[in-house]
Amino acid sequence: MSRFVDNVNIYLENMEIKQAFIALKTGMDSSRLSRILTKTQDITGTDMEKIANALGHKAEFFMSDNFVVTDAKNYGTEIAFYAGKPGNEQWQFASKLMELADSMDVVLGAETRIMAADYTDNSLAL
């Protein structure tokens, strides 16, 4: 289903969605997803459904010959939603997202802490 993969890649690029997000949302192994999206591994119907659902669409959406995506720049930068009462799978997904956010904060904050460190303190000398 080359058309499906081509259209998904167009969608991901235009909407600025990372493969890591799709892998996390679908539960697919990131290397397997990468092979699917680079067409080095065949895609199954189940894979198509998982990927399409992760992107908020039905698989048929990505099967069009005249596939067009509205540019992501036309969308606002804030997204809000209500997902209802979360199930176990949603809690696990939310926990992984929180871990990711915490990790990003630690990494991004490290540069600020390093740059702000006072290296004039002689106690740091060897």
PDB file of N, CA and C in Angstrom:
ATOM      1  N   MET A   1       0.826  -1.190   0.000  1.00  0.00           N
ATOM      2  CA  MET A   1       0.000   0.000   0.000  1.00  0.00           C
ATOM      3  C   MET A   1       0.867   1.249   0.000  1.00  0.00           C
ATOM      4  N   SER A   2       1.551   1.418  -1.085  1.00  0.00           N
ATOM      5  CA  SER A   2       2.473   2.528  -1.221  1.00  0.00           C
ATOM      6  C   SER A   2       1.780   3.882  -1.100  1.00  0.00           C
ATOM      7  N   ARG A   3       0.580   4.006  -1.639  1.00  0.00           N
ATOM      8  CA  ARG A   3      -0.151   5.268  -1.592  1.00  0.00           C
ATOM      9  C   ARG A   3      -0.427   5.668  -0.146  1.00  0.00           C
ATOM     10  N   PHE A   4      -0.818   4.710   0.676  1.00  0.00           N
ATOM     11  CA  PHE A   4      -1.084   4.978   2.087  1.00  0.00           C
ATOM     12  C   PHE A   4       0.176   5.529   2.760  1.00  0.00           C
ATOM     13  N   VAL A   5       1.296   4.855   2.567  1.00  0.00           N
ATOM     14  CA  VAL A   5       2.550   5.266   3.203  1.00  0.00           C
ATOM     15  C   VAL A   5       2.986   6.642   2.690  1.00  0.00           C
ATOM     16  N   ASP A   6       2.891   6.856   1.376  1.00  0.00           N
ATOM     17  CA  ASP A   6       3.250   8.164   0.815  1.00  0.00           C
ATOM     18  C   ASP A   6       2.415   9.273   1.446  1.00  0.00           C
ATOM     19  N   ASN A   7       1.108   9.048   1.529  1.00  0.00           N
ATOM     20  CA  ASN A   7       0.215  10.071   2.077  1.00  0.00           C
ATOM     21  C   ASN A   7       0.434  10.291   3.575  1.00  0.00           C
ATOM     22  N   VAL A   8       0.734   9.228   4.306  1.00  0.00           N
ATOM     23  CA  VAL A   8       1.038   9.377   5.734  1.00  0.00           C
ATOM     24  C   VAL A   8       2.301  10.215   5.895  1.00  0.00           C
ATOM     25  N   ASN A   9       3.315   9.945   5.089  1.00  0.00           N
ATOM     26  CA  ASN A   9       4.555  10.720   5.165  1.00  0.00           C
ATOM     27  C   ASN A   9       4.317  12.196   4.842  1.00  0.00           C
ATOM     28  N   ILE A  10       3.480  12.468   3.855  1.00  0.00           N
ATOM     29  CA  ILE A  10       3.129  13.847   3.522  1.00  0.00           C
ATOM     30  C   ILE A  10       2.429  14.499   4.712  1.00  0.00           C
ATOM     31  N   TYR A  11       1.509  13.774   5.307  1.00  0.00           N
ATOM     32  CA  TYR A  11       0.754  14.284   6.459  1.00  0.00           C
ATOM     33  C   TYR A  11       1.691  14.573   7.637  1.00  0.00           C
ATOM     34  N   LEU A  12       2.572  13.627   7.945  1.00  0.00           N
ATOM     35  CA  LEU A  12       3.500  13.806   9.065  1.00  0.00           C
ATOM     36  C   LEU A  12       4.388  15.024   8.846  1.00  0.00           C
ATOM     37  N   GLU A  13       4.877  15.191   7.626  1.00  0.00           N
ATOM     38  CA  GLU A  13       5.750  16.329   7.329  1.00  0.00           C
ATOM     39  C   GLU A  13       4.994  17.655   7.438  1.00  0.00           C
ATOM     40  N   ASN A  14       3.822  17.721   6.829  1.00  0.00           N
ATOM     41  CA  ASN A  14       3.061  18.976   6.836  1.00  0.00           C
ATOM     42  C   ASN A  14       2.529  19.339   8.217  1.00  0.00           C
ATOM     43  N   MET A  15       2.176  18.335   8.992  1.00  0.00           N
ATOM     44  CA  MET A  15       1.631  18.595  10.329  1.00  0.00           C
ATOM     45  C   MET A  15       2.733  18.611  11.394  1.00  0.00           C
ATOM     46  N   GLU A  16       3.984  18.389  10.950  1.00  0.00           N
ATOM     47  CA  GLU A  16       5.142  18.413  11.841  1.00  0.00           C
ATOM     48  C   GLU A  16       4.986  17.434  13.004  1.00  0.00           C
ATOM     49  N   ILE A  17       4.599  16.203  12.662  1.00  0.00           N
ATOM     50  CA  ILE A  17       4.421  15.131  13.645  1.00  0.00           C
ATOM     51  C   ILE A  17       5.602  14.181  13.529  1.00  0.00           C
ATOM     52  N   LYS A  18       6.190  13.854  14.651  1.00  0.00           N
ATOM     53  CA  LYS A  18       7.361  12.978  14.683  1.00  0.00           C
ATOM     54  C   LYS A  18       6.942  11.507  14.696  1.00  0.00           C
ATOM     55  N   GLN A  19       7.782  10.669  14.092  1.00  0.00           N
ATOM     56  CA  GLN A  19       7.527   9.228  14.098  1.00  0.00           C
ATOM     57  C   GLN A  19       7.477   8.685  15.513  1.00  0.00           C
ATOM     58  N   ALA A  20       8.257   9.265  16.408  1.00  0.00           N
ATOM     59  CA  ALA A  20       8.283   8.792  17.801  1.00  0.00           C
ATOM     60  C   ALA A  20       6.904   8.924  18.439  1.00  0.00           C
ATOM     61  N   PHE A  21       6.188   9.979  18.108  1.00  0.00           N
ATOM     62  CA  PHE A  21       4.835  10.167  18.634  1.00  0.00           C
ATOM     63  C   PHE A  21       3.916   9.067  18.122  1.00  0.00           C
ATOM     64  N   ILE A  22       4.007   8.760  16.834  1.00  0.00           N
ATOM     65  CA  ILE A  22       3.159   7.723  16.241  1.00  0.00           C
ATOM     66  C   ILE A  22       3.490   6.368  16.858  1.00  0.00           C
ATOM     67  N   ALA A  23       4.765   6.079  17.034  1.00  0.00           N
ATOM     68  CA  ALA A  23       5.169   4.805  17.641  1.00  0.00           C
ATOM     69  C   ALA A  23       4.615   4.698  19.056  1.00  0.00           C
ATOM     70  N   LEU A  24       4.708   5.777  19.808  1.00  0.00           N
ATOM     71  CA  LEU A  24       4.200   5.774  21.175  1.00  0.00           C
ATOM     72  C   LEU A  24       2.687   5.591  21.202  1.00  0.00           C
ATOM     73  N   LYS A  25       2.008   6.301  20.323  1.00  0.00           N
ATOM     74  CA  LYS A  25       0.540   6.256  20.313  1.00  0.00           C
ATOM     75  C   LYS A  25      -0.005   4.924  19.793  1.00  0.00           C
ATOM     76  N   THR A  26       0.701   4.300  18.871  1.00  0.00           N
ATOM     77  CA  THR A  26       0.224   3.031  18.305  1.00  0.00           C
ATOM     78  C   THR A  26       0.732   1.828  19.080  1.00  0.00           C
ATOM     79  N   GLY A  27       1.809   2.017  19.843  1.00  0.00           N
ATOM     80  CA  GLY A  27       2.422   0.898  20.546  1.00  0.00           C
ATOM     81  C   GLY A  27       3.337   0.086  19.649  1.00  0.00           C
ATOM     82  N   MET A  28       3.598   0.602  18.450  1.00  0.00           N
ATOM     83  CA  MET A  28       4.473  -0.096  17.511  1.00  0.00           C
ATOM     84  C   MET A  28       5.926   0.189  17.873  1.00  0.00           C
ATOM     85  N   ASP A  29       6.790  -0.770  17.579  1.00  0.00           N
ATOM     86  CA  ASP A  29       8.222  -0.575  17.747  1.00  0.00           C
ATOM     87  C   ASP A  29       8.670   0.527  16.792  1.00  0.00           C
ATOM     88  N   SER A  30       9.452   1.484  17.279  1.00  0.00           N
ATOM     89  CA  SER A  30       9.839   2.635  16.458  1.00  0.00           C
ATOM     90  C   SER A  30      10.655   2.226  15.234  1.00  0.00           C
ATOM     91  N   SER A  31      11.488   1.196  15.357  1.00  0.00           N
ATOM     92  CA  SER A  31      12.275   0.769  14.192  1.00  0.00           C
ATOM     93  C   SER A  31      11.371   0.115  13.142  1.00  0.00           C
ATOM     94  N   ARG A  32      10.373  -0.613  13.593  1.00  0.00           N
ATOM     95  CA  ARG A  32       9.423  -1.234  12.659  1.00  0.00           C
ATOM     96  C   ARG A  32       8.613  -0.152  11.940  1.00  0.00           C
ATOM     97  N   LEU A  33       8.158   0.846  12.699  1.00  0.00           N
ATOM     98  CA  LEU A  33       7.409   1.947  12.096  1.00  0.00           C
ATOM     99  C   LEU A  33       8.275   2.663  11.068  1.00  0.00           C
ATOM    100  N   SER A  34       9.528   2.892  11.396  1.00  0.00           N
ATOM    101  CA  SER A  34      10.447   3.542  10.460  1.00  0.00           C
ATOM    102  C   SER A  34      10.588   2.735   9.173  1.00  0.00           C
ATOM    103  N   ARG A  35      10.731   1.421   9.310  1.00  0.00           N
ATOM    104  CA  ARG A  35      10.841   0.564   8.119  1.00  0.00           C
ATOM    105  C   ARG A  35       9.573   0.624   7.278  1.00  0.00           C
ATOM    106  N   ILE A  36       8.422   0.695   7.935  1.00  0.00           N
ATOM    107  CA  ILE A  36       7.150   0.805   7.204  1.00  0.00           C
ATOM    108  C   ILE A  36       7.096   2.124   6.449  1.00  0.00           C
ATOM    109  N   LEU A  37       7.462   3.207   7.120  1.00  0.00           N
ATOM    110  CA  LEU A  37       7.349   4.534   6.509  1.00  0.00           C
ATOM    111  C   LEU A  37       8.422   4.795   5.448  1.00  0.00           C
ATOM    112  N   THR A  38       9.486   4.004   5.459  1.00  0.00           N
ATOM    113  CA  THR A  38      10.496   4.105   4.399  1.00  0.00           C
ATOM    114  C   THR A  38      10.293   3.028   3.338  1.00  0.00           C
ATOM    115  N   LYS A  39       9.233   2.256   3.486  1.00  0.00           N
ATOM    116  CA  LYS A  39       8.824   1.217   2.539  1.00  0.00           C
ATOM    117  C   LYS A  39       9.812   0.060   2.434  1.00  0.00           C
ATOM    118  N   THR A  40      10.589  -0.169   3.483  1.00  0.00           N
ATOM    119  CA  THR A  40      11.469  -1.335   3.476  1.00  0.00           C
ATOM    120  C   THR A  40      10.792  -2.534   4.126  1.00  0.00           C
ATOM    121  N   GLN A  41       9.622  -2.303   4.716  1.00  0.00           N
ATOM    122  CA  GLN A  41       8.821  -3.387   5.275  1.00  0.00           C
ATOM    123  C   GLN A  41       7.383  -3.180   4.829  1.00  0.00           C
ATOM    124  N   ASP A  42       6.731  -4.270   4.450  1.00  0.00           N
ATOM    125  CA  ASP A  42       5.335  -4.192   4.028  1.00  0.00           C
ATOM    126  C   ASP A  42       4.450  -3.782   5.200  1.00  0.00           C
ATOM    127  N   ILE A  43       3.400  -3.065   4.880  1.00  0.00           N
ATOM    128  CA  ILE A  43       2.441  -2.618   5.887  1.00  0.00           C
ATOM    129  C   ILE A  43       1.212  -3.511   5.834  1.00  0.00           C
ATOM    130  N   THR A  44       0.685  -3.855   6.995  1.00  0.00           N
ATOM    131  CA  THR A  44      -0.522  -4.682   7.062  1.00  0.00           C
ATOM    132  C   THR A  44      -1.738  -3.787   7.233  1.00  0.00           C
ATOM    133  N   GLY A  45      -2.898  -4.350   7.057  1.00  0.00           N
ATOM    134  CA  GLY A  45      -4.139  -3.611   7.284  1.00  0.00           C
ATOM    135  C   GLY A  45      -4.256  -3.133   8.715  1.00  0.00           C
ATOM    136  N   THR A  46      -3.820  -3.966   9.647  1.00  0.00           N
ATOM    137  CA  THR A  46      -3.846  -3.586  11.062  1.00  0.00           C
ATOM    138  C   THR A  46      -2.917  -2.413  11.314  1.00  0.00           C
ATOM    139  N   ASP A  47      -1.735  -2.440  10.700  1.00  0.00           N
ATOM    140  CA  ASP A  47      -0.788  -1.325  10.845  1.00  0.00           C
ATOM    141  C   ASP A  47      -1.398  -0.034  10.316  1.00  0.00           C
ATOM    142  N   MET A  48      -2.062  -0.123   9.149  1.00  0.00           N
ATOM    143  CA  MET A  48      -2.684   1.064   8.562  1.00  0.00           C
ATOM    144  C   MET A  48      -3.736   1.641   9.502  1.00  0.00           C
ATOM    145  N   GLU A  49      -4.551   0.780  10.074  1.00  0.00           N
ATOM    146  CA  GLU A  49      -5.586   1.243  11.004  1.00  0.00           C
ATOM    147  C   GLU A  49      -4.964   1.911  12.227  1.00  0.00           C
ATOM    148  N   LYS A  50      -3.933   1.296  12.788  1.00  0.00           N
ATOM    149  CA  LYS A  50      -3.276   1.859  13.975  1.00  0.00           C
ATOM    150  C   LYS A  50      -2.689   3.235  13.676  1.00  0.00           C
ATOM    151  N   ILE A  51      -1.986   3.346  12.561  1.00  0.00           N
ATOM    152  CA  ILE A  51      -1.347   4.617  12.205  1.00  0.00           C
ATOM    153  C   ILE A  51      -2.398   5.685  11.935  1.00  0.00           C
ATOM    154  N   ALA A  52      -3.408   5.335  11.159  1.00  0.00           N
ATOM    155  CA  ALA A  52      -4.466   6.298  10.846  1.00  0.00           C
ATOM    156  C   ALA A  52      -5.192   6.753  12.113  1.00  0.00           C
ATOM    157  N   ASN A  53      -5.521   5.812  12.991  1.00  0.00           N
ATOM    158  CA  ASN A  53      -6.195   6.168  14.244  1.00  0.00           C
ATOM    159  C   ASN A  53      -5.322   7.065  15.106  1.00  0.00           C
ATOM    160  N   ALA A  54      -4.023   6.795  15.139  1.00  0.00           N
ATOM    161  CA  ALA A  54      -3.102   7.628  15.915  1.00  0.00           C
ATOM    162  C   ALA A  54      -3.089   9.060  15.395  1.00  0.00           C
ATOM    163  N   LEU A  55      -3.350   9.211  14.099  1.00  0.00           N
ATOM    164  CA  LEU A  55      -3.372  10.534  13.486  1.00  0.00           C
ATOM    165  C   LEU A  55      -4.766  11.144  13.464  1.00  0.00           C
ATOM    166  N   GLY A  56      -5.731  10.436  14.050  1.00  0.00           N
ATOM    167  CA  GLY A  56      -7.082  10.978  14.160  1.00  0.00           C
ATOM    168  C   GLY A  56      -7.937  10.820  12.922  1.00  0.00           C
ATOM    169  N   HIS A  57      -7.605   9.865  12.082  1.00  0.00           N
ATOM    170  CA  HIS A  57      -8.352   9.649  10.843  1.00  0.00           C
ATOM    171  C   HIS A  57      -8.596   8.159  10.641  1.00  0.00           C
ATOM    172  N   LYS A  58      -9.448   7.847   9.666  1.00  0.00           N
ATOM    173  CA  LYS A  58      -9.641   6.466   9.240  1.00  0.00           C
ATOM    174  C   LYS A  58      -8.615   6.167   8.156  1.00  0.00           C
ATOM    175  N   ALA A  59      -8.302   4.902   7.977  1.00  0.00           N
ATOM    176  CA  ALA A  59      -7.290   4.501   6.989  1.00  0.00           C
ATOM    177  C   ALA A  59      -7.629   5.007   5.592  1.00  0.00           C
ATOM    178  N   GLU A  60      -8.911   5.062   5.259  1.00  0.00           N
ATOM    179  CA  GLU A  60      -9.337   5.507   3.929  1.00  0.00           C
ATOM    180  C   GLU A  60      -8.892   6.933   3.626  1.00  0.00           C
ATOM    181  N   PHE A  61      -8.753   7.750   4.670  1.00  0.00           N
ATOM    182  CA  PHE A  61      -8.319   9.144   4.512  1.00  0.00           C
ATOM    183  C   PHE A  61      -6.974   9.213   3.798  1.00  0.00           C
ATOM    184  N   PHE A  62      -6.104   8.251   4.070  1.00  0.00           N
ATOM    185  CA  PHE A  62      -4.756   8.263   3.513  1.00  0.00           C
ATOM    186  C   PHE A  62      -4.633   7.474   2.209  1.00  0.00           C
ATOM    187  N   MET A  63      -5.763   7.034   1.651  1.00  0.00           N
ATOM    188  CA  MET A  63      -5.736   6.236   0.428  1.00  0.00           C
ATOM    189  C   MET A  63      -6.058   7.047  -0.826  1.00  0.00           C
ATOM    190  N   SER A  64      -6.326   8.325  -0.683  1.00  0.00           N
ATOM    191  CA  SER A  64      -6.743   9.167  -1.799  1.00  0.00           C
ATOM    192  C   SER A  64      -5.616   9.388  -2.805  1.00  0.00           C
ATOM    193  N   ASP A  65      -5.985   9.410  -4.096  1.00  0.00           N
ATOM    194  CA  ASP A  65      -5.015   9.736  -5.146  1.00  0.00           C
ATOM    195  C   ASP A  65      -4.644  11.211  -5.112  1.00  0.00           C
ATOM    196  N   ASN A  66      -5.594  12.053  -4.733  1.00  0.00           N
ATOM    197  CA  ASN A  66      -5.398  13.506  -4.698  1.00  0.00           C
ATOM    198  C   ASN A  66      -5.303  13.980  -3.260  1.00  0.00           C
ATOM    199  N   PHE A  67      -4.374  13.435  -2.510  1.00  0.00           N
ATOM    200  CA  PHE A  67      -4.243  13.719  -1.089  1.00  0.00           C
ATOM    201  C   PHE A  67      -3.704  15.130  -0.883  1.00  0.00           C
ATOM    202  N   VAL A  68      -4.420  15.921  -0.088  1.00  0.00           N
ATOM    203  CA  VAL A  68      -4.019  17.291   0.211  1.00  0.00           C
ATOM    204  C   VAL A  68      -4.121  17.499   1.710  1.00  0.00           C
ATOM    205  N   VAL A  69      -3.099  18.146   2.273  1.00  0.00           N
ATOM    206  CA  VAL A  69      -3.081  18.433   3.702  1.00  0.00           C
ATOM    207  C   VAL A  69      -2.978  19.936   3.882  1.00  0.00           C
ATOM    208  N   THR A  70      -3.817  20.471   4.753  1.00  0.00           N
ATOM    209  CA  THR A  70      -3.703  21.876   5.095  1.00  0.00           C
ATOM    210  C   THR A  70      -2.428  22.050   5.900  1.00  0.00           C
ATOM    211  N   ASP A  71      -1.664  23.064   5.587  1.00  0.00           N
ATOM    212  CA  ASP A  71      -0.392  23.296   6.261  1.00  0.00           C
ATOM    213  C   ASP A  71      -0.589  23.503   7.751  1.00  0.00           C
ATOM    214  N   ALA A  72       0.288  22.932   8.546  1.00  0.00           N
ATOM    215  CA  ALA A  72       0.200  23.010  10.007  1.00  0.00           C
ATOM    216  C   ALA A  72       0.304  24.436  10.501  1.00  0.00           C
ATOM    217  N   LYS A  73       0.913  25.332   9.742  1.00  0.00           N
ATOM    218  CA  LYS A  73       1.073  26.712  10.172  1.00  0.00           C
ATOM    219  C   LYS A  73      -0.263  27.430  10.288  1.00  0.00           C
ATOM    220  N   ASN A  74      -1.301  26.861   9.685  1.00  0.00           N
ATOM    221  CA  ASN A  74      -2.624  27.460   9.776  1.00  0.00           C
ATOM    222  C   ASN A  74      -3.332  27.126  11.078  1.00  0.00           C
ATOM    223  N   TYR A  75      -2.756  26.236  11.855  1.00  0.00           N
ATOM    224  CA  TYR A  75      -3.351  25.832  13.111  1.00  0.00           C
ATOM    225  C   TYR A  75      -2.742  26.631  14.248  1.00  0.00           C
ATOM    226  N   GLY A  76      -3.483  26.761  15.330  1.00  0.00           N
ATOM    227  CA  GLY A  76      -2.964  27.427  16.509  1.00  0.00           C
ATOM    228  C   GLY A  76      -1.892  26.589  17.167  1.00  0.00           C
ATOM    229  N   THR A  77      -1.198  27.187  18.115  1.00  0.00           N
ATOM    230  CA  THR A  77      -0.128  26.467  18.783  1.00  0.00           C
ATOM    231  C   THR A  77      -0.597  25.782  20.046  1.00  0.00           C
ATOM    232  N   GLU A  78      -1.844  26.003  20.439  1.00  0.00           N
ATOM    233  CA  GLU A  78      -2.357  25.376  21.638  1.00  0.00           C
ATOM    234  C   GLU A  78      -3.429  24.359  21.273  1.00  0.00           C
ATOM    235  N   ILE A  79      -3.376  23.222  21.947  1.00  0.00           N
ATOM    236  CA  ILE A  79      -4.349  22.161  21.712  1.00  0.00           C
ATOM    237  C   ILE A  79      -4.924  21.753  23.056  1.00  0.00           C
ATOM    238  N   ALA A  80      -6.234  21.650  23.121  1.00  0.00           N
ATOM    239  CA  ALA A  80      -6.885  21.185  24.340  1.00  0.00           C
ATOM    240  C   ALA A  80      -7.935  20.156  23.938  1.00  0.00           C
ATOM    241  N   PHE A  81      -8.133  19.166  24.790  1.00  0.00           N
ATOM    242  CA  PHE A  81      -9.152  18.168  24.513  1.00  0.00           C
ATOM    243  C   PHE A  81      -9.594  17.517  25.806  1.00  0.00           C
ATOM    244  N   TYR A  82     -10.766  16.927  25.753  1.00  0.00           N
ATOM    245  CA  TYR A  82     -11.265  16.149  26.868  1.00  0.00           C
ATOM    246  C   TYR A  82     -11.449  14.735  26.369  1.00  0.00           C
ATOM    247  N   ALA A  83     -10.755  13.820  26.974  1.00  0.00           N
ATOM    248  CA  ALA A  83     -10.778  12.438  26.508  1.00  0.00           C
ATOM    249  C   ALA A  83     -11.734  11.570  27.306  1.00  0.00           C
ATOM    250  N   GLY A  84     -12.455  12.148  28.262  1.00  0.00           N
ATOM    251  CA  GLY A  84     -13.338  11.340  29.086  1.00  0.00           C
ATOM    252  C   GLY A  84     -12.559  10.631  30.171  1.00  0.00           C
ATOM    253  N   LYS A  85     -13.173   9.656  30.780  1.00  0.00           N
ATOM    254  CA  LYS A  85     -12.527   8.904  31.845  1.00  0.00           C
ATOM    255  C   LYS A  85     -11.475   7.991  31.224  1.00  0.00           C
ATOM    256  N   PRO A  86     -10.210   8.192  31.607  1.00  0.00           N
ATOM    257  CA  PRO A  86      -9.154   7.391  30.978  1.00  0.00           C
ATOM    258  C   PRO A  86      -9.146   5.952  31.469  1.00  0.00           C
ATOM    259  N   GLY A  87      -8.849   5.063  30.547  1.00  0.00           N
ATOM    260  CA  GLY A  87      -8.686   3.656  30.887  1.00  0.00           C
ATOM    261  C   GLY A  87      -7.236   3.380  31.244  1.00  0.00           C
ATOM    262  N   ASN A  88      -6.917   2.140  31.520  1.00  0.00           N
ATOM    263  CA  ASN A  88      -5.568   1.749  31.905  1.00  0.00           C
ATOM    264  C   ASN A  88      -4.554   2.104  30.818  1.00  0.00           C
ATOM    265  N   GLU A  89      -4.911   1.855  29.569  1.00  0.00           N
ATOM    266  CA  GLU A  89      -3.999   2.142  28.465  1.00  0.00           C
ATOM    267  C   GLU A  89      -3.710   3.640  28.365  1.00  0.00           C
ATOM    268  N   GLN A  90      -4.755   4.475  28.564  1.00  0.00           N
ATOM    269  CA  GLN A  90      -4.551   5.925  28.518  1.00  0.00           C
ATOM    270  C   GLN A  90      -3.675   6.396  29.676  1.00  0.00           C
ATOM    271  N   TRP A  91      -3.830   5.797  30.862  1.00  0.00           N
ATOM    272  CA  TRP A  91      -2.986   6.157  31.999  1.00  0.00           C
ATOM    273  C   TRP A  91      -1.531   5.831  31.703  1.00  0.00           C
ATOM    274  N   GLN A  92      -1.293   4.673  31.117  1.00  0.00           N
ATOM    275  CA  GLN A  92       0.081   4.289  30.772  1.00  0.00           C
ATOM    276  C   GLN A  92       0.667   5.255  29.747  1.00  0.00           C
ATOM    277  N   PHE A  93      -0.127   5.613  28.759  1.00  0.00           N
ATOM    278  CA  PHE A  93       0.314   6.553  27.732  1.00  0.00           C
ATOM    279  C   PHE A  93       0.617   7.914  28.358  1.00  0.00           C
ATOM    280  N   ALA A  94      -0.263   8.394  29.226  1.00  0.00           N
ATOM    281  CA  ALA A  94      -0.057   9.682  29.892  1.00  0.00           C
ATOM    282  C   ALA A  94       1.195   9.652  30.754  1.00  0.00           C
ATOM    283  N   SER A  95       1.437   8.550  31.421  1.00  0.00           N
ATOM    284  CA  SER A  95       2.644   8.418  32.246  1.00  0.00           C
ATOM    285  C   SER A  95       3.901   8.508  31.394  1.00  0.00           C
ATOM    286  N   LYS A  96       3.877   7.859  30.225  1.00  0.00           N
ATOM    287  CA  LYS A  96       5.024   7.923  29.326  1.00  0.00           C
ATOM    288  C   LYS A  96       5.239   9.345  28.822  1.00  0.00           C
ATOM    289  N   LEU A  97       4.160  10.051  28.532  1.00  0.00           N
ATOM    290  CA  LEU A  97       4.285  11.441  28.086  1.00  0.00           C
ATOM    291  C   LEU A  97       4.868  12.323  29.181  1.00  0.00           C
ATOM    292  N   MET A  98       4.446  12.095  30.414  1.00  0.00           N
ATOM    293  CA  MET A  98       4.980  12.876  31.532  1.00  0.00           C
ATOM    294  C   MET A  98       6.471  12.577  31.729  1.00  0.00           C
ATOM    295  N   GLU A  99       6.876  11.319  31.595  1.00  0.00           N
ATOM    296  CA  GLU A  99       8.292  10.966  31.685  1.00  0.00           C
ATOM    297  C   GLU A  99       9.089  11.668  30.593  1.00  0.00           C
ATOM    298  N   LEU A 100       8.519  11.697  29.385  1.00  0.00           N
ATOM    299  CA  LEU A 100       9.175  12.375  28.273  1.00  0.00           C
ATOM    300  C   LEU A 100       9.330  13.865  28.565  1.00  0.00           C
ATOM    301  N   ALA A 101       8.260  14.496  29.055  1.00  0.00           N
ATOM    302  CA  ALA A 101       8.312  15.925  29.378  1.00  0.00           C
ATOM    303  C   ALA A 101       9.342  16.206  30.466  1.00  0.00           C
ATOM    304  N   ASP A 102       9.380  15.361  31.492  1.00  0.00           N
ATOM    305  CA  ASP A 102      10.369  15.536  32.564  1.00  0.00           C
ATOM    306  C   ASP A 102      11.787  15.393  32.020  1.00  0.00           C
ATOM    307  N   SER A 103      12.005  14.414  31.161  1.00  0.00           N
ATOM    308  CA  SER A 103      13.333  14.201  30.582  1.00  0.00           C
ATOM    309  C   SER A 103      13.745  15.393  29.732  1.00  0.00           C
ATOM    310  N   MET A 104      12.815  15.918  28.945  1.00  0.00           N
ATOM    311  CA  MET A 104      13.116  17.083  28.115  1.00  0.00           C
ATOM    312  C   MET A 104      13.461  18.281  28.988  1.00  0.00           C
ATOM    313  N   ASP A 105      12.739  18.450  30.088  1.00  0.00           N
ATOM    314  CA  ASP A 105      12.993  19.570  30.989  1.00  0.00           C
ATOM    315  C   ASP A 105      14.387  19.454  31.596  1.00  0.00           C
ATOM    316  N   VAL A 106      14.768  18.251  31.986  1.00  0.00           N
ATOM    317  CA  VAL A 106      16.096  18.042  32.574  1.00  0.00           C
ATOM    318  C   VAL A 106      17.178  18.360  31.554  1.00  0.00           C
ATOM    319  N   VAL A 107      17.023  17.863  30.339  1.00  0.00           N
ATOM    320  CA  VAL A 107      18.031  18.081  29.301  1.00  0.00           C
ATOM    321  C   VAL A 107      18.104  19.556  28.921  1.00  0.00           C
ATOM    322  N   LEU A 108      16.968  20.178  28.681  1.00  0.00           N
ATOM    323  CA  LEU A 108      16.962  21.575  28.266  1.00  0.00           C
ATOM    324  C   LEU A 108      17.421  22.505  29.385  1.00  0.00           C
ATOM    325  N   GLY A 109      17.131  22.142  30.620  1.00  0.00           N
ATOM    326  CA  GLY A 109      17.534  22.967  31.750  1.00  0.00           C
ATOM    327  C   GLY A 109      19.003  22.834  32.093  1.00  0.00           C
ATOM    328  N   ALA A 110      19.659  21.768  31.633  1.00  0.00           N
ATOM    329  CA  ALA A 110      21.066  21.539  31.953  1.00  0.00           C
ATOM    330  C   ALA A 110      21.951  22.631  31.378  1.00  0.00           C
ATOM    331  N   GLU A 111      21.677  23.058  30.174  1.00  0.00           N
ATOM    332  CA  GLU A 111      22.495  24.098  29.558  1.00  0.00           C
ATOM    333  C   GLU A 111      22.425  25.393  30.369  1.00  0.00           C
ATOM    334  N   THR A 112      21.240  25.752  30.820  1.00  0.00           N
ATOM    335  CA  THR A 112      21.078  26.967  31.617  1.00  0.00           C
ATOM    336  C   THR A 112      21.849  26.857  32.924  1.00  0.00           C
ATOM    337  N   ARG A 113      21.776  25.702  33.574  1.00  0.00           N
ATOM    338  CA  ARG A 113      22.491  25.514  34.841  1.00  0.00           C
ATOM    339  C   ARG A 113      23.999  25.558  34.631  1.00  0.00           C
ATOM    340  N   ILE A 114      24.482  24.978  33.559  1.00  0.00           N
ATOM    341  CA  ILE A 114      25.920  24.973  33.276  1.00  0.00           C
ATOM    342  C   ILE A 114      26.405  26.385  32.982  1.00  0.00           C
ATOM    343  N   MET A 115      25.649  27.091  32.167  1.00  0.00           N
ATOM    344  CA  MET A 115      26.054  28.453  31.795  1.00  0.00           C
ATOM    345  C   MET A 115      25.982  29.405  32.984  1.00  0.00           C
ATOM    346  N   ALA A 116      25.090  29.134  33.924  1.00  0.00           N
ATOM    347  CA  ALA A 116      24.919  30.010  35.078  1.00  0.00           C
ATOM    348  C   ALA A 116      25.883  29.686  36.207  1.00  0.00           C
ATOM    349  N   ALA A 117      26.595  28.566  36.097  1.00  0.00           N
ATOM    350  CA  ALA A 117      27.512  28.169  37.170  1.00  0.00           C
ATOM    351  C   ALA A 117      28.635  29.180  37.314  1.00  0.00           C
ATOM    352  N   ASP A 118      29.027  29.427  38.551  1.00  0.00           N
ATOM    353  CA  ASP A 118      30.089  30.393  38.839  1.00  0.00           C
ATOM    354  C   ASP A 118      31.410  29.645  38.862  1.00  0.00           C
ATOM    355  N   TYR A 119      32.195  29.783  37.782  1.00  0.00           N
ATOM    356  CA  TYR A 119      33.460  29.082  37.687  1.00  0.00           C
ATOM    357  C   TYR A 119      34.617  29.888  38.283  1.00  0.00           C
ATOM    358  N   THR A 120      34.305  31.040  38.877  1.00  0.00           N
ATOM    359  CA  THR A 120      35.355  31.835  39.502  1.00  0.00           C
ATOM    360  C   THR A 120      35.646  31.362  40.911  1.00  0.00           C
ATOM    361  N   ASP A 121      34.840  30.455  41.412  1.00  0.00           N
ATOM    362  CA  ASP A 121      35.030  29.919  42.747  1.00  0.00           C
ATOM    363  C   ASP A 121      36.281  29.052  42.765  1.00  0.00           C
ATOM    364  N   ASN A 122      37.272  29.419  43.555  1.00  0.00           N
ATOM    365  CA  ASN A 122      38.539  28.697  43.598  1.00  0.00           C
ATOM    366  C   ASN A 122      38.413  27.321  44.205  1.00  0.00           C
ATOM    367  N   SER A 123      37.298  27.040  44.875  1.00  0.00           N
ATOM    368  CA  SER A 123      37.146  25.711  45.472  1.00  0.00           C
ATOM    369  C   SER A 123      36.976  24.637  44.398  1.00  0.00           C
ATOM    370  N   LEU A 124      36.669  25.071  43.168  1.00  0.00           N
ATOM    371  CA  LEU A 124      36.503  24.112  42.068  1.00  0.00           C
ATOM    372  C   LEU A 124      37.841  23.787  41.408  1.00  0.00           C
ATOM    373  N   ALA A 125      38.888  24.550  41.753  1.00  0.00           N
ATOM    374  CA  ALA A 125      40.196  24.335  41.122  1.00  0.00           C
ATOM    375  C   ALA A 125      40.802  23.015  41.583  1.00  0.00           C
ATOM    376  N   LEU A 126      41.561  22.401  40.714  1.00  0.00           N
ATOM    377  CA  LEU A 126      42.212  21.120  41.046  1.00  0.00           C
ATOM    378  C   LEU A 126      43.499  21.334  41.780  1.00  0.00           C
TER     379      LEU A 126
END
